Amino acid sequence: MPKREKLLAELSAEEDYGIFLAIQMDAVPETLQLIIATARYDAAAGGLRERGQYVIRALGVVEHQVSVGMFARLQFVDEHPLLYQYNTPTVAVFFRGQPTNVYELVLDLEQAHVSTFGLWRDLPEYLNLSKPLVTLLNSGGDLLGQMPKPLAERMAKVLEHHGLEVKLGEAEFEAADEHGRSQLRKALMIDDSYVMALDFSVEELGRA
């Protein structure tokens, strides 16, 4: 069985647990090594029984936020709200006009953000922060912000719903390099921890 599938299988049952032991830099730039142990709860012994240890190498890391310790869920995913930052075009959202109720507009924009990202990203990182949001929206027209395409499309619908004209400027985006190799990122999710990289490999420690 491939090592990745074996690792996932050892974490698939309700009584299975993982222990995130350590994370360290690799000799290769933009590469991280994560040391993971798997265990199963043994009711007879009243504790955890270790099953295996693995090293996950993350290649071409662009972002990570991790906490070591016990976890319940580990996933390798190609689609996740965190990946919008890297796997979709950046879009500049411009508006023109005056909203009838700017505070309702602000609430609807915040809801559009939550619907897109949940709690994974903060709205201000995508907004034009040259002035307060209420002032910006009451200015008659300006750049709302630059953001991943899924969020930009939702924001545009909200602005139009409130009677504003919208213009979107999409930046050039290449999903592959000049050699045809994918530049799309993948994510390793360990409960609320995550690593985003070009690819991941899994090896079992202590095994050939």
C-alpha atoms as a PDB file:
ATOM      1  CA  MET A   1       0.000   0.000   0.000  1.00  0.00           C
ATOM      2  CA  PRO A   2       1.371   3.475  -0.855  1.00  0.00           C
ATOM      3  CA  LYS A   3       2.569   5.316   2.249  1.00  0.00           C
ATOM      4  CA  ARG A   4       0.093   8.168   1.885  1.00  0.00           C
ATOM      5  CA  GLU A   5      -2.845   5.769   1.735  1.00  0.00           C
ATOM      6  CA  LYS A   6      -1.447   3.805   4.700  1.00  0.00           C
ATOM      7  CA  LEU A   7      -1.168   6.988   6.772  1.00  0.00           C
ATOM      8  CA  LEU A   8      -4.718   8.015   5.916  1.00  0.00           C
ATOM      9  CA  ALA A   9      -6.015   4.519   6.649  1.00  0.00           C
ATOM     10  CA  GLU A  10      -4.456   4.631  10.119  1.00  0.00           C
ATOM     11  CA  LEU A  11      -6.394   7.829  10.831  1.00  0.00           C
ATOM     12  CA  SER A  12      -9.736   6.815   9.335  1.00  0.00           C
ATOM     13  CA  ALA A  13     -11.547   5.219  12.285  1.00  0.00           C
ATOM     14  CA  GLU A  14     -13.217   6.987  15.189  1.00  0.00           C
ATOM     15  CA  GLU A  15     -10.757   5.453  17.654  1.00  0.00           C
ATOM     16  CA  ASP A  16      -7.728   6.551  15.590  1.00  0.00           C
ATOM     17  CA  TYR A  17      -5.645   9.586  16.538  1.00  0.00           C
ATOM     18  CA  GLY A  18      -2.639  11.382  15.169  1.00  0.00           C
ATOM     19  CA  ILE A  19       0.157  13.097  17.039  1.00  0.00           C
ATOM     20  CA  PHE A  20       1.892  15.968  15.288  1.00  0.00           C
ATOM     21  CA  LEU A  21       5.364  15.563  16.800  1.00  0.00           C
ATOM     22  CA  ALA A  22       7.517  18.156  15.037  1.00  0.00           C
ATOM     23  CA  ILE A  23       8.024  20.392  12.037  1.00  0.00           C
ATOM     24  CA  GLN A  24      11.424  21.344  10.682  1.00  0.00           C
ATOM     25  CA  MET A  25      13.085  22.997   7.732  1.00  0.00           C
ATOM     26  CA  ASP A  26      14.477  20.737   5.034  1.00  0.00           C
ATOM     27  CA  ALA A  27      17.839  21.159   3.319  1.00  0.00           C
ATOM     28  CA  VAL A  28      15.925  22.018   0.134  1.00  0.00           C
ATOM     29  CA  PRO A  29      14.614  25.624   0.045  1.00  0.00           C
ATOM     30  CA  GLU A  30      10.855  26.113   0.600  1.00  0.00           C
ATOM     31  CA  THR A  31      10.549  22.559   1.914  1.00  0.00           C
ATOM     32  CA  LEU A  32       9.262  21.453   5.314  1.00  0.00           C
ATOM     33  CA  GLN A  33       9.290  18.099   7.067  1.00  0.00           C
ATOM     34  CA  LEU A  34       6.411  17.166   9.362  1.00  0.00           C
ATOM     35  CA  ILE A  35       6.800  14.225  11.741  1.00  0.00           C
ATOM     36  CA  ILE A  36       3.495  12.463  12.400  1.00  0.00           C
ATOM     37  CA  ALA A  37       2.692   9.486  14.633  1.00  0.00           C
ATOM     38  CA  THR A  38      -0.511   7.465  14.420  1.00  0.00           C
ATOM     39  CA  ALA A  39      -2.183   5.724  17.346  1.00  0.00           C
ATOM     40  CA  ARG A  40      -5.370   3.869  18.221  1.00  0.00           C
ATOM     41  CA  TYR A  41      -7.261   4.066  21.482  1.00  0.00           C
ATOM     42  CA  ASP A  42      -7.024   0.729  23.317  1.00  0.00           C
ATOM     43  CA  ALA A  43     -10.005   0.463  25.651  1.00  0.00           C
ATOM     44  CA  ALA A  44      -8.559  -2.550  27.464  1.00  0.00           C
ATOM     45  CA  ALA A  45      -5.327  -0.719  28.247  1.00  0.00           C
ATOM     46  CA  GLY A  46      -7.097   2.592  28.800  1.00  0.00           C
ATOM     47  CA  GLY A  47      -4.732   4.505  26.554  1.00  0.00           C
ATOM     48  CA  LEU A  48      -3.288   4.990  23.085  1.00  0.00           C
ATOM     49  CA  ARG A  49      -1.313   2.323  21.263  1.00  0.00           C
ATOM     50  CA  GLU A  50       1.135   3.660  18.668  1.00  0.00           C
ATOM     51  CA  ARG A  51       0.773   2.261  15.154  1.00  0.00           C
ATOM     52  CA  GLY A  52       3.318   4.075  13.019  1.00  0.00           C
ATOM     53  CA  GLN A  53       5.443   7.157  12.432  1.00  0.00           C
ATOM     54  CA  TYR A  54       5.667   9.116   9.199  1.00  0.00           C
ATOM     55  CA  VAL A  55       7.505  12.048   7.709  1.00  0.00           C
ATOM     56  CA  ILE A  56       5.524  14.260   5.351  1.00  0.00           C
ATOM     57  CA  ARG A  57       7.650  16.445   3.096  1.00  0.00           C
ATOM     58  CA  ALA A  58       5.984  19.584   1.811  1.00  0.00           C
ATOM     59  CA  LEU A  59       7.643  20.793  -1.402  1.00  0.00           C
ATOM     60  CA  GLY A  60       7.412  24.398  -2.585  1.00  0.00           C
ATOM     61  CA  VAL A  61       5.783  25.713   0.582  1.00  0.00           C
ATOM     62  CA  VAL A  62       4.020  29.070   0.194  1.00  0.00           C
ATOM     63  CA  GLU A  63       2.220  29.330   3.528  1.00  0.00           C
ATOM     64  CA  HIS A  64       1.806  27.390   6.753  1.00  0.00           C
ATOM     65  CA  GLN A  65       0.251  27.708  10.184  1.00  0.00           C
ATOM     66  CA  VAL A  66       0.727  24.716  12.441  1.00  0.00           C
ATOM     67  CA  SER A  67       0.425  23.599  16.049  1.00  0.00           C
ATOM     68  CA  VAL A  68       2.030  20.395  17.290  1.00  0.00           C
ATOM     69  CA  GLY A  69       0.090  17.953  19.444  1.00  0.00           C
ATOM     70  CA  MET A  70      -2.738  15.463  19.111  1.00  0.00           C
ATOM     71  CA  PHE A  71      -5.192  15.745  16.235  1.00  0.00           C
ATOM     72  CA  ALA A  72      -8.212  13.900  14.884  1.00  0.00           C
ATOM     73  CA  ARG A  73      -8.206  14.643  11.153  1.00  0.00           C
ATOM     74  CA  LEU A  74      -5.575  14.823   8.416  1.00  0.00           C
ATOM     75  CA  GLN A  75      -6.393  15.509   4.768  1.00  0.00           C
ATOM     76  CA  PHE A  76      -4.558  16.213   1.527  1.00  0.00           C
ATOM     77  CA  VAL A  77      -6.789  18.467  -0.581  1.00  0.00           C
ATOM     78  CA  ASP A  78      -6.639  20.161  -3.975  1.00  0.00           C
ATOM     79  CA  GLU A  79      -9.571  22.484  -3.242  1.00  0.00           C
ATOM     80  CA  HIS A  80      -9.995  24.629  -0.146  1.00  0.00           C
ATOM     81  CA  PRO A  81     -10.833  28.309   0.522  1.00  0.00           C
ATOM     82  CA  LEU A  82      -7.229  28.878   1.627  1.00  0.00           C
ATOM     83  CA  LEU A  83      -6.051  27.865  -1.848  1.00  0.00           C
ATOM     84  CA  TYR A  84      -8.045  30.591  -3.631  1.00  0.00           C
ATOM     85  CA  GLN A  85      -5.115  32.893  -2.842  1.00  0.00           C
ATOM     86  CA  TYR A  86      -2.832  30.824  -5.065  1.00  0.00           C
ATOM     87  CA  ASN A  87      -5.008  28.848  -7.477  1.00  0.00           C
ATOM     88  CA  THR A  88      -7.316  31.547  -8.844  1.00  0.00           C
ATOM     89  CA  PRO A  89      -6.645  34.894 -10.552  1.00  0.00           C
ATOM     90  CA  THR A  90      -6.396  38.080  -8.508  1.00  0.00           C
ATOM     91  CA  VAL A  91      -9.192  40.480  -9.440  1.00  0.00           C
ATOM     92  CA  ALA A  92      -9.385  44.221  -8.776  1.00  0.00           C
ATOM     93  CA  VAL A  93     -12.942  45.277  -7.893  1.00  0.00           C
ATOM     94  CA  PHE A  94     -13.929  48.850  -8.785  1.00  0.00           C
ATOM     95  CA  PHE A  95     -17.291  50.433  -8.065  1.00  0.00           C
ATOM     96  CA  ARG A  96     -19.116  53.652  -8.921  1.00  0.00           C
ATOM     97  CA  GLY A  97     -22.243  55.113  -7.397  1.00  0.00           C
ATOM     98  CA  GLN A  98     -23.770  55.839  -4.014  1.00  0.00           C
ATOM     99  CA  PRO A  99     -25.388  53.114  -1.877  1.00  0.00           C
ATOM    100  CA  THR A 100     -28.797  53.806  -0.346  1.00  0.00           C
ATOM    101  CA  ASN A 101     -27.703  52.332   2.983  1.00  0.00           C
ATOM    102  CA  VAL A 102     -23.950  51.996   3.359  1.00  0.00           C
ATOM    103  CA  TYR A 103     -24.193  50.039   6.607  1.00  0.00           C
ATOM    104  CA  GLU A 104     -26.364  47.352   5.022  1.00  0.00           C
ATOM    105  CA  LEU A 105     -23.855  47.214   2.178  1.00  0.00           C
ATOM    106  CA  VAL A 106     -20.980  46.710   4.624  1.00  0.00           C
ATOM    107  CA  LEU A 107     -22.851  43.867   6.318  1.00  0.00           C
ATOM    108  CA  ASP A 108     -23.584  42.205   2.977  1.00  0.00           C
ATOM    109  CA  LEU A 109     -19.935  42.499   1.907  1.00  0.00           C
ATOM    110  CA  GLU A 110     -18.834  40.926   5.173  1.00  0.00           C
ATOM    111  CA  GLN A 111     -21.328  38.103   4.649  1.00  0.00           C
ATOM    112  CA  ALA A 112     -20.008  37.533   1.123  1.00  0.00           C
ATOM    113  CA  HIS A 113     -16.519  37.209   2.579  1.00  0.00           C
ATOM    114  CA  VAL A 114     -17.635  34.722   5.244  1.00  0.00           C
ATOM    115  CA  SER A 115     -19.531  32.701   2.627  1.00  0.00           C
ATOM    116  CA  THR A 116     -16.333  32.457   0.583  1.00  0.00           C
ATOM    117  CA  PHE A 117     -13.661  31.919   3.216  1.00  0.00           C
ATOM    118  CA  GLY A 118     -15.399  31.045   6.468  1.00  0.00           C
ATOM    119  CA  LEU A 119     -12.903  31.929   9.197  1.00  0.00           C
ATOM    120  CA  TRP A 120      -9.834  31.030   7.139  1.00  0.00           C
ATOM    121  CA  ARG A 121      -9.044  34.526   5.822  1.00  0.00           C
ATOM    122  CA  ASP A 122      -9.543  38.057   7.158  1.00  0.00           C
ATOM    123  CA  LEU A 123     -11.465  40.506   4.978  1.00  0.00           C
ATOM    124  CA  PRO A 124      -9.137  43.535   5.480  1.00  0.00           C
ATOM    125  CA  GLU A 125      -6.248  41.798   3.706  1.00  0.00           C
ATOM    126  CA  TYR A 126      -8.194  42.124   0.428  1.00  0.00           C
ATOM    127  CA  LEU A 127      -9.612  45.640   0.847  1.00  0.00           C
ATOM    128  CA  ASN A 128      -8.399  49.076  -0.156  1.00  0.00           C
ATOM    129  CA  LEU A 129      -7.266  50.352   3.247  1.00  0.00           C
ATOM    130  CA  SER A 130      -6.492  53.907   2.152  1.00  0.00           C
ATOM    131  CA  LYS A 131      -9.634  55.007   4.006  1.00  0.00           C
ATOM    132  CA  PRO A 132     -12.245  53.462   6.332  1.00  0.00           C
ATOM    133  CA  LEU A 133     -14.641  51.110   4.532  1.00  0.00           C
ATOM    134  CA  VAL A 134     -17.756  53.237   5.152  1.00  0.00           C
ATOM    135  CA  THR A 135     -15.940  56.320   3.847  1.00  0.00           C
ATOM    136  CA  LEU A 136     -14.685  54.365   0.841  1.00  0.00           C
ATOM    137  CA  LEU A 137     -18.164  53.099  -0.069  1.00  0.00           C
ATOM    138  CA  ASN A 138     -19.637  56.598   0.313  1.00  0.00           C
ATOM    139  CA  SER A 139     -16.955  58.156  -1.899  1.00  0.00           C
ATOM    140  CA  GLY A 140     -18.925  57.773  -5.139  1.00  0.00           C
ATOM    141  CA  GLY A 141     -16.428  55.408  -6.717  1.00  0.00           C
ATOM    142  CA  ASP A 142     -13.081  53.790  -6.006  1.00  0.00           C
ATOM    143  CA  LEU A 143     -11.153  50.549  -5.817  1.00  0.00           C
ATOM    144  CA  LEU A 144     -12.845  48.284  -3.284  1.00  0.00           C
ATOM    145  CA  GLY A 145      -9.870  45.961  -3.204  1.00  0.00           C
ATOM    146  CA  GLN A 146      -7.882  43.216  -4.880  1.00  0.00           C
ATOM    147  CA  MET A 147      -8.898  39.666  -4.062  1.00  0.00           C
ATOM    148  CA  PRO A 148      -9.141  36.075  -5.345  1.00  0.00           C
ATOM    149  CA  LYS A 149     -11.686  35.631  -8.124  1.00  0.00           C
ATOM    150  CA  PRO A 150     -14.275  33.646  -6.096  1.00  0.00           C
ATOM    151  CA  LEU A 151     -14.500  36.478  -3.562  1.00  0.00           C
ATOM    152  CA  ALA A 152     -14.448  39.184  -6.255  1.00  0.00           C
ATOM    153  CA  GLU A 153     -17.434  37.618  -8.011  1.00  0.00           C
ATOM    154  CA  ARG A 154     -19.438  37.519  -4.789  1.00  0.00           C
ATOM    155  CA  MET A 155     -18.482  41.095  -3.924  1.00  0.00           C
ATOM    156  CA  ALA A 156     -19.531  42.258  -7.399  1.00  0.00           C
ATOM    157  CA  LYS A 157     -22.998  40.732  -6.968  1.00  0.00           C
ATOM    158  CA  VAL A 158     -23.410  42.464  -3.606  1.00  0.00           C
ATOM    159  CA  LEU A 159     -22.348  45.842  -4.995  1.00  0.00           C
ATOM    160  CA  GLU A 160     -24.715  45.493  -7.950  1.00  0.00           C
ATOM    161  CA  HIS A 161     -27.535  44.440  -5.623  1.00  0.00           C
ATOM    162  CA  HIS A 162     -27.049  47.756  -3.830  1.00  0.00           C
ATOM    163  CA  GLY A 163     -27.314  49.703  -7.081  1.00  0.00           C
ATOM    164  CA  LEU A 164     -23.625  50.327  -7.761  1.00  0.00           C
ATOM    165  CA  GLU A 165     -21.812  49.938 -11.063  1.00  0.00           C
ATOM    166  CA  VAL A 166     -18.990  47.403 -10.951  1.00  0.00           C
ATOM    167  CA  LYS A 167     -15.878  46.867 -13.035  1.00  0.00           C
ATOM    168  CA  LEU A 168     -13.561  43.892 -12.575  1.00  0.00           C
ATOM    169  CA  GLY A 169      -9.917  43.852 -13.628  1.00  0.00           C
ATOM    170  CA  GLU A 170      -8.493  40.333 -13.710  1.00  0.00           C
ATOM    171  CA  ALA A 171      -4.726  39.884 -13.441  1.00  0.00           C
ATOM    172  CA  GLU A 172      -2.897  37.431 -15.686  1.00  0.00           C
ATOM    173  CA  PHE A 173      -2.817  33.962 -14.160  1.00  0.00           C
ATOM    174  CA  GLU A 174      -0.802  30.933 -15.253  1.00  0.00           C
ATOM    175  CA  ALA A 175      -1.745  27.505 -13.901  1.00  0.00           C
ATOM    176  CA  ALA A 176       1.430  25.945 -15.342  1.00  0.00           C
ATOM    177  CA  ASP A 177       5.022  27.066 -15.881  1.00  0.00           C
ATOM    178  CA  GLU A 178       6.825  27.272 -19.228  1.00  0.00           C
ATOM    179  CA  HIS A 179       7.535  23.530 -19.069  1.00  0.00           C
ATOM    180  CA  GLY A 180       3.890  22.630 -18.546  1.00  0.00           C
ATOM    181  CA  ARG A 181       4.319  21.774 -14.874  1.00  0.00           C
ATOM    182  CA  SER A 182       1.385  22.668 -12.660  1.00  0.00           C
ATOM    183  CA  GLN A 183       1.859  25.693 -10.422  1.00  0.00           C
ATOM    184  CA  LEU A 184      -1.391  25.079  -8.561  1.00  0.00           C
ATOM    185  CA  ARG A 185      -0.948  24.609  -4.842  1.00  0.00           C
ATOM    186  CA  LYS A 186      -2.289  21.818  -2.663  1.00  0.00           C
ATOM    187  CA  ALA A 187      -3.070  21.835   1.033  1.00  0.00           C
ATOM    188  CA  LEU A 188      -2.357  19.539   3.935  1.00  0.00           C
ATOM    189  CA  MET A 189      -5.004  20.081   6.609  1.00  0.00           C
ATOM    190  CA  ILE A 190      -4.371  18.792  10.146  1.00  0.00           C
ATOM    191  CA  ASP A 191      -7.419  19.877  12.146  1.00  0.00           C
ATOM    192  CA  ASP A 192      -7.001  23.690  12.141  1.00  0.00           C
ATOM    193  CA  SER A 193      -3.340  23.558  11.106  1.00  0.00           C
ATOM    194  CA  TYR A 194      -2.383  23.762   7.452  1.00  0.00           C
ATOM    195  CA  VAL A 195       0.505  23.721   5.005  1.00  0.00           C
ATOM    196  CA  MET A 196       0.127  24.908   1.417  1.00  0.00           C
ATOM    197  CA  ALA A 197       2.672  23.712  -1.107  1.00  0.00           C
ATOM    198  CA  LEU A 198       3.181  22.459  -4.656  1.00  0.00           C
ATOM    199  CA  ASP A 199       3.175  18.834  -3.552  1.00  0.00           C
ATOM    200  CA  PHE A 200       3.570  16.436  -0.634  1.00  0.00           C
ATOM    201  CA  SER A 201       5.349  13.123  -0.196  1.00  0.00           C
ATOM    202  CA  VAL A 202       4.938  10.602   2.621  1.00  0.00           C
ATOM    203  CA  GLU A 203       7.492   8.133   3.970  1.00  0.00           C
ATOM    204  CA  GLU A 204       7.183   5.765   6.907  1.00  0.00           C
ATOM    205  CA  LEU A 205       9.908   6.089   9.530  1.00  0.00           C
ATOM    206  CA  GLY A 206      11.770   2.948  10.476  1.00  0.00           C
ATOM    207  CA  ARG A 207      10.599   1.089   7.362  1.00  0.00           C
ATOM    208  CA  ALA A 208      12.412   0.427   4.128  1.00  0.00           C
END
